[in-house]
Amino acid sequence: MSTRPVTGAGYPSDMTSEEAANERRPRGRGKSRSTDQAATESAGIRSNPRRELVEKQIIEQATRLFAERGFASTTLQDIADATGLTRPALYHYVANKDELLSRLVSESTETPAALLHTINERTDLGPTEKLREMATAIALHQAQAPDRFQLIVRSEAELPEDISRNYEQSRRHVLKEFIQVVEDGIRTGEMRPVDPRTAALAVIGMLNWIAWWHQPGNAVDDRVIATQLADMAVRSLVHQDPQSATPEGPARAIAMLRQDLNYLERLLDESRPD
């Protein structure tokens, strides 16, 4: 059978005629199946442990190859070879490289944004506890998969337009959630009257930096680091213990008034019409 490249018909340009024939060949012809049965089987495939394992391996190998060779220089055949799959078999899990990159972006930014929003919506936690939970969640996420975050940062300029748009939107959502918890903390008096956006960016930057210095692989170490950084994030914003801050007396009163005045000035600036 010919192995010349096939184009058109929705198949990749470098797919051979043999592979395309396999893709077009009807499956299960002659078997009568109800729509409900087909849907049930489809759902079973999506939740199949083996499929999930293969998809995880594909993502891991794609991440490694994209980082080593660059997104543009990596082919689906490279990913198939690294995963131990044939090219036609790979198409049962992923349609193209853009889909793989989109998954990486989603797991690295969209998933954390949704998690932060869930924490912020909890009514059983105050702002300080929410900040601790949020910082721990982001720190753990970065500690467990630093290579994915590094890849996305290095590939920002090469991201396809739709993926880049989703990436930027998710980043804004992450920032928004941290700003909100800082604003709530200031409003309740739990946190110092600082600029919420500056504080949020500082915390996010500290947590994201884990991806550049932490070596993953040890769950205990991941948790210890995440806990320590979350504690540092909280301590940088909450009111200090009076015993360890400015001593009682006029100096402390002046310091507290200066903080409040700075906060009032910022609120007045924000309320002024342009």
Protein backbone atom coordinates (compact mmCIF):
# COMPACT_ATOMS: atom_id res chain seq x y z
CA MET A 1 0.00 0.00 0.00
CA SER A 2 1.24 3.49 -0.81
CA THR A 3 2.78 5.53 1.94
CA ARG A 4 2.70 8.85 0.09
CA PRO A 5 1.57 11.85 2.17
CA VAL A 6 -2.14 12.56 2.17
CA THR A 7 -3.63 16.04 2.38
CA GLY A 8 -7.15 17.32 2.80
CA ALA A 9 -10.16 15.50 4.25
CA GLY A 10 -9.31 16.82 7.70
CA TYR A 11 -6.13 14.76 8.05
CA PRO A 12 -2.67 16.16 8.83
CA SER A 13 -0.56 16.89 5.77
CA ASP A 14 2.13 14.41 6.79
CA MET A 15 -0.23 11.46 7.36
CA THR A 16 0.40 8.58 4.96
CA SER A 17 -2.30 7.02 2.78
CA GLU A 18 -2.18 3.88 4.92
CA GLU A 19 -2.77 5.88 8.09
CA ALA A 20 -5.56 7.85 6.47
CA ALA A 21 -7.21 4.64 5.32
CA ASN A 22 -7.12 3.34 8.86
CA GLU A 23 -8.71 6.55 10.07
CA ARG A 24 -11.50 6.35 7.47
CA ARG A 25 -12.21 2.65 7.92
CA PRO A 26 -15.62 2.16 9.61
CA ARG A 27 -15.45 0.59 13.02
CA GLY A 28 -18.00 -1.90 14.29
CA ARG A 29 -19.97 -2.09 11.04
CA GLY A 30 -22.80 -4.59 11.19
CA LYS A 31 -23.37 -4.16 14.90
CA SER A 32 -26.58 -2.50 15.96
CA ARG A 33 -26.07 -0.19 18.91
CA SER A 34 -28.45 2.27 20.47
CA THR A 35 -27.47 5.91 20.95
CA ASP A 36 -27.52 5.46 24.72
CA GLN A 37 -25.21 2.47 24.48
CA ALA A 38 -22.77 4.37 22.27
CA ALA A 39 -22.80 7.31 24.66
CA THR A 40 -22.19 5.02 27.62
CA GLU A 41 -19.24 3.38 25.88
CA SER A 42 -17.86 6.78 24.93
CA ALA A 43 -18.07 7.95 28.53
CA GLY A 44 -16.37 4.75 29.62
CA ILE A 45 -13.48 5.40 27.22
CA ARG A 46 -13.03 8.92 28.55
CA SER A 47 -12.80 7.69 32.14
CA ASN A 48 -10.75 4.60 31.31
CA PRO A 49 -7.68 4.47 33.62
CA ARG A 50 -5.46 3.21 30.82
CA ARG A 51 -6.51 6.07 28.57
CA GLU A 52 -5.83 8.57 31.35
CA LEU A 53 -2.38 7.05 31.86
CA VAL A 54 -1.55 7.25 28.15
CA GLU A 55 -2.79 10.84 27.94
CA LYS A 56 -0.60 11.74 30.92
CA GLN A 57 2.41 10.19 29.21
CA ILE A 58 1.64 12.06 26.00
CA ILE A 59 1.45 15.37 27.87
CA GLU A 60 4.71 14.67 29.72
CA GLN A 61 6.60 13.76 26.55
CA ALA A 62 5.14 16.68 24.62
CA THR A 63 6.21 19.03 27.41
CA ARG A 64 9.75 17.65 27.34
CA LEU A 65 10.04 17.79 23.55
CA PHE A 66 8.54 21.27 23.27
CA ALA A 67 11.04 22.47 25.87
CA GLU A 68 14.00 20.79 24.18
CA ARG A 69 13.23 21.46 20.52
CA GLY A 70 10.65 24.20 20.57
CA PHE A 71 6.99 23.94 19.66
CA ALA A 72 7.48 24.60 15.94
CA SER A 73 10.29 22.05 15.57
CA THR A 74 8.46 19.20 17.32
CA THR A 75 6.24 16.93 15.21
CA LEU A 76 3.47 14.59 16.25
CA GLN A 77 5.66 11.75 15.03
CA ASP A 78 8.32 12.83 17.53
CA ILE A 79 5.73 12.72 20.31
CA ALA A 80 4.39 9.35 19.15
CA ASP A 81 7.91 7.88 19.11
CA ALA A 82 8.69 9.24 22.57
CA THR A 83 5.44 7.83 23.97
CA GLY A 84 5.83 4.45 22.28
CA LEU A 85 2.74 4.86 20.12
CA THR A 86 2.21 4.61 16.40
CA ARG A 87 1.18 7.76 14.59
CA PRO A 88 -2.39 6.50 13.92
CA ALA A 89 -2.74 5.46 17.57
CA LEU A 90 -1.73 8.93 18.71
CA TYR A 91 -4.67 10.41 16.81
CA HIS A 92 -7.04 8.54 19.13
CA TYR A 93 -5.81 10.77 21.96
CA VAL A 94 -4.96 14.09 20.34
CA ALA A 95 -5.80 15.78 17.04
CA ASN A 96 -2.76 18.02 16.63
CA LYS A 97 0.02 19.90 18.41
CA ASP A 98 -2.18 22.91 19.11
CA GLU A 99 -4.52 20.71 21.11
CA LEU A 100 -1.61 19.47 23.21
CA LEU A 101 -0.38 22.99 23.82
CA SER A 102 -3.89 24.10 24.68
CA ARG A 103 -4.11 21.34 27.31
CA LEU A 104 -0.80 22.44 28.80
CA VAL A 105 -1.96 26.03 29.03
CA SER A 106 -5.28 24.96 30.55
CA GLU A 107 -3.65 22.82 33.22
CA SER A 108 -1.08 25.50 34.04
CA THR A 109 -3.34 28.55 34.20
CA GLU A 110 -7.05 27.85 33.80
CA THR A 111 -7.15 25.12 36.42
CA PRO A 112 -5.39 27.22 39.10
CA ALA A 113 -7.66 30.19 38.35
CA ALA A 114 -10.76 28.06 38.89
CA LEU A 115 -9.29 26.64 42.11
CA LEU A 116 -8.56 30.11 43.48
CA HIS A 117 -12.09 31.24 42.70
CA THR A 118 -13.49 28.25 44.59
CA ILE A 119 -11.39 29.12 47.65
CA ASN A 120 -12.41 32.77 47.46
CA GLU A 121 -16.09 31.78 47.43
CA ARG A 122 -15.86 29.83 50.69
CA THR A 123 -17.81 31.38 53.55
CA ASP A 124 -16.13 29.37 56.31
CA LEU A 125 -12.78 31.11 55.86
CA GLY A 126 -11.68 34.66 56.56
CA PRO A 127 -9.37 36.60 54.21
CA THR A 128 -6.18 35.51 55.97
CA GLU A 129 -7.13 31.82 55.84
CA LYS A 130 -8.19 32.20 52.21
CA LEU A 131 -4.87 33.79 51.31
CA ARG A 132 -3.03 30.93 52.98
CA GLU A 133 -5.11 28.32 51.14
CA MET A 134 -4.70 30.11 47.81
CA ALA A 135 -0.95 30.56 48.17
CA THR A 136 -0.53 26.92 49.19
CA ALA A 137 -2.55 25.73 46.19
CA ILE A 138 -0.50 27.76 43.69
CA ALA A 139 2.79 26.82 45.33
CA LEU A 140 1.92 23.12 45.19
CA HIS A 141 0.81 23.42 41.57
CA GLN A 142 4.11 25.02 40.57
CA ALA A 143 6.20 22.64 42.66
CA GLN A 144 4.64 19.54 41.15
CA ALA A 145 4.85 20.55 37.47
CA PRO A 146 7.47 23.30 37.05
CA ASP A 147 8.46 22.19 33.55
CA ARG A 148 5.02 23.00 32.15
CA PHE A 149 5.05 26.52 33.54
CA GLN A 150 8.59 27.10 32.25
CA LEU A 151 7.57 25.90 28.81
CA ILE A 152 4.59 28.23 28.59
CA VAL A 153 6.60 31.24 29.76
CA ARG A 154 9.31 30.55 27.20
CA SER A 155 6.75 29.98 24.44
CA GLU A 156 4.54 33.01 25.09
CA ALA A 157 5.60 34.74 21.88
CA GLU A 158 4.89 31.60 19.81
CA LEU A 159 1.48 30.72 21.22
CA PRO A 160 -1.33 30.56 18.63
CA GLU A 161 -3.71 33.49 18.92
CA ASP A 162 -6.61 31.62 20.53
CA ILE A 163 -4.35 29.85 23.04
CA SER A 164 -2.56 33.10 23.84
CA ARG A 165 -5.90 34.79 24.45
CA ASN A 166 -6.99 32.05 26.89
CA TYR A 167 -3.62 32.20 28.61
CA GLU A 168 -3.82 35.95 29.18
CA GLN A 169 -7.41 35.67 30.38
CA SER A 170 -6.48 33.00 32.92
CA ARG A 171 -3.58 35.10 34.19
CA ARG A 172 -5.94 38.02 34.72
CA HIS A 173 -8.33 35.74 36.62
CA VAL A 174 -5.53 34.57 38.93
CA LEU A 175 -4.52 38.17 39.62
CA LYS A 176 -8.14 39.17 40.21
CA GLU A 177 -8.64 36.45 42.83
CA PHE A 178 -5.54 37.47 44.78
CA ILE A 179 -6.48 41.17 44.59
CA GLN A 180 -9.92 40.37 45.94
CA VAL A 181 -8.64 38.45 48.96
CA VAL A 182 -6.19 41.26 49.80
CA GLU A 183 -8.95 43.87 49.48
CA ASP A 184 -11.17 41.80 51.75
CA GLY A 185 -8.36 41.47 54.25
CA ILE A 186 -7.80 45.22 54.31
CA ARG A 187 -11.53 45.87 54.63
CA THR A 188 -11.84 43.58 57.66
CA GLY A 189 -8.71 44.97 59.26
CA GLU A 190 -6.81 41.67 59.04
CA MET A 191 -4.27 42.98 56.53
CA ARG A 192 -2.26 46.16 56.34
CA PRO A 193 -3.58 48.95 54.08
CA VAL A 194 -1.29 48.30 51.12
CA ASP A 195 -1.99 48.54 47.41
CA PRO A 196 -3.89 45.28 46.68
CA ARG A 197 -2.65 44.91 43.10
CA THR A 198 0.99 45.41 44.04
CA ALA A 199 0.63 42.95 46.92
CA ALA A 200 -1.12 40.38 44.70
CA LEU A 201 1.58 40.62 42.01
CA ALA A 202 4.31 40.24 44.64
CA VAL A 203 2.71 37.09 46.07
CA ILE A 204 2.10 35.58 42.63
CA GLY A 205 5.68 36.33 41.56
CA MET A 206 7.09 34.65 44.65
CA LEU A 207 4.95 31.56 44.10
CA ASN A 208 5.61 31.30 40.36
CA TRP A 209 9.35 31.51 40.90
CA ILE A 210 9.23 28.01 42.42
CA ALA A 211 9.15 26.65 38.87
CA TRP A 212 12.68 27.90 38.28
CA TRP A 213 14.45 26.55 41.34
CA HIS A 214 12.51 23.61 42.78
CA GLN A 215 13.18 20.02 41.74
CA PRO A 216 9.92 18.01 41.78
CA GLY A 217 9.55 14.36 42.67
CA ASN A 218 9.19 14.35 46.44
CA ALA A 219 5.63 14.97 47.63
CA VAL A 220 6.76 15.73 51.18
CA ASP A 221 9.24 18.36 50.00
CA ASP A 222 6.58 19.86 47.72
CA ARG A 223 4.21 20.25 50.66
CA VAL A 224 6.86 21.67 52.99
CA ILE A 225 7.91 24.29 50.44
CA ALA A 226 4.30 25.20 49.61
CA THR A 227 3.46 25.60 53.30
CA GLN A 228 6.51 27.75 53.98
CA LEU A 229 5.89 30.07 51.04
CA ALA A 230 2.21 30.40 51.91
CA ASP A 231 3.21 31.40 55.44
CA MET A 232 5.61 34.00 54.01
CA ALA A 233 2.83 35.39 51.80
CA VAL A 234 0.49 35.72 54.77
CA ARG A 235 3.11 37.29 57.05
CA SER A 236 3.94 39.88 54.38
CA LEU A 237 0.39 41.24 54.48
CA VAL A 238 -1.25 40.61 57.84
CA HIS A 239 -0.86 43.06 60.74
CA GLN A 240 2.29 42.37 62.67
CA ASP A 241 2.22 41.26 66.30
CA PRO A 242 2.39 44.51 68.31
CA GLN A 243 5.11 43.00 70.50
CA SER A 244 7.39 42.43 67.49
CA ALA A 245 6.49 45.62 65.63
CA THR A 246 6.68 49.26 66.75
CA PRO A 247 6.58 49.51 70.57
CA GLU A 248 3.59 50.98 72.33
CA GLY A 249 3.58 54.75 72.50
CA PRO A 250 3.58 57.78 70.21
CA ALA A 251 5.90 56.18 67.62
CA ARG A 252 3.55 53.26 67.10
CA ALA A 253 0.49 55.55 66.94
CA ILE A 254 2.18 57.69 64.29
CA ALA A 255 3.15 54.61 62.27
CA MET A 256 -0.41 53.32 62.31
CA LEU A 257 -1.80 56.73 61.33
CA ARG A 258 0.68 56.94 58.44
CA GLN A 259 -0.50 53.56 57.12
CA ASP A 260 -4.13 54.64 57.37
CA LEU A 261 -3.42 57.95 55.64
CA ASN A 262 -1.67 56.17 52.77
CA TYR A 263 -4.66 53.89 52.40
CA LEU A 264 -7.08 56.87 52.47
CA GLU A 265 -5.04 58.74 49.85
CA ARG A 266 -5.10 55.73 47.55
CA LEU A 267 -8.88 55.40 47.90
CA LEU A 268 -9.32 59.12 47.13
CA ASP A 269 -7.09 58.82 44.06
CA GLU A 270 -9.11 55.88 42.78
CA SER A 271 -12.41 57.74 43.29
CA ARG A 272 -11.35 60.88 41.41
CA PRO A 273 -12.81 61.17 37.89
CA ASP A 274 -10.30 61.02 35.03
